[in-house]
């Protein structure tokens, strides 16, 4: 019984922290004087765990003078 428990524990740990390539897709919108421009970009985060991928795939918002730039990012 102990051997089965140990095998299950090891198997669950290896699947939780599985390092693989993650894709971060960001939609960037810049608005200036009422005019908006939108673009999409993808970034591959190589050999990362899911938590590392989330830490590197971040949405942002910047404001300067009459210009606002937002970046909405999703990890897949």
Protein backbone atom coordinates (compact mmCIF):
# COMPACT_ATOMS: atom_id res chain seq x y z
CA UNK A 1 0.00 0.00 0.00
CA UNK A 2 2.86 2.39 0.81
CA UNK A 3 4.44 1.74 -2.60
CA UNK A 4 1.22 2.67 -4.38
CA UNK A 5 0.91 5.88 -2.34
CA UNK A 6 4.50 6.86 -3.11
CA UNK A 7 4.04 6.20 -6.84
CA UNK A 8 0.84 8.27 -6.92
CA UNK A 9 2.55 11.11 -5.05
CA UNK A 10 5.51 11.15 -7.43
CA UNK A 11 3.27 11.00 -10.50
CA UNK A 12 1.15 13.92 -9.29
CA UNK A 13 4.23 16.06 -8.58
CA UNK A 14 5.67 15.50 -12.02
CA UNK A 15 2.43 16.47 -13.78
CA UNK A 16 1.90 19.60 -11.67
CA UNK A 17 5.32 21.11 -12.34
CA UNK A 18 5.60 20.01 -15.95
CA UNK A 19 7.89 22.40 -17.82
CA UNK A 20 6.85 22.94 -21.42
CA UNK A 21 6.54 25.73 -23.95
CA UNK A 22 3.68 28.15 -23.16
CA UNK A 23 2.10 30.70 -25.50
CA UNK A 24 1.19 34.19 -24.36
CA UNK A 25 -1.19 36.04 -26.70
CA UNK A 26 -1.56 39.79 -26.19
CA UNK A 27 -4.03 42.20 -27.76
CA UNK A 28 -2.67 45.73 -27.59
CA UNK A 29 -4.94 48.73 -28.03
CA UNK A 30 -3.64 52.29 -28.26
CA UNK A 31 -6.13 55.16 -28.09
CA UNK A 32 -5.10 58.73 -28.81
CA UNK A 33 -7.46 61.66 -29.35
CA UNK A 34 -10.41 59.27 -29.81
CA UNK A 35 -8.69 57.14 -32.45
CA UNK A 36 -7.87 53.50 -31.59
CA UNK A 37 -5.34 51.11 -33.09
CA UNK A 38 -5.32 47.39 -32.20
CA UNK A 39 -2.67 44.73 -32.78
CA UNK A 40 -2.12 41.16 -31.60
CA UNK A 41 1.17 39.46 -30.77
CA UNK A 42 2.20 36.05 -29.48
CA UNK A 43 5.23 35.15 -27.40
CA UNK A 44 6.49 31.65 -26.67
CA UNK A 45 7.73 31.16 -23.11
CA UNK A 46 10.13 28.24 -23.46
CA UNK A 47 10.32 25.35 -20.96
CA UNK A 48 8.26 26.98 -18.21
CA UNK A 49 5.80 25.74 -15.63
CA UNK A 50 2.27 27.12 -15.68
CA UNK A 51 3.02 29.48 -12.78
CA UNK A 52 6.17 30.76 -14.52
CA UNK A 53 4.14 31.28 -17.70
CA UNK A 54 1.49 33.26 -15.81
CA UNK A 55 4.18 35.40 -14.18
CA UNK A 56 5.58 36.29 -17.62
CA UNK A 57 2.27 36.83 -19.42
CA UNK A 58 1.03 40.07 -17.89
CA UNK A 59 -1.66 42.53 -18.95
CA UNK A 60 -0.70 46.21 -18.68
CA UNK A 61 -2.13 49.72 -18.99
CA UNK A 62 -0.12 52.88 -19.66
CA UNK A 63 -1.35 56.46 -19.81
CA UNK A 64 0.64 59.40 -21.09
CA UNK A 65 -0.72 62.81 -22.11
CA UNK A 66 -3.73 62.02 -24.35
CA UNK A 67 -2.66 58.46 -25.14
CA UNK A 68 -3.76 55.23 -23.40
CA UNK A 69 -2.23 51.87 -24.26
CA UNK A 70 -3.67 48.65 -22.85
CA UNK A 71 -2.31 45.17 -23.37
CA UNK A 72 -4.66 42.28 -22.55
CA UNK A 73 -2.65 39.03 -22.33
CA UNK A 74 -3.82 35.42 -22.03
CA UNK A 75 -1.73 32.30 -21.44
CA UNK A 76 -2.52 29.19 -23.46
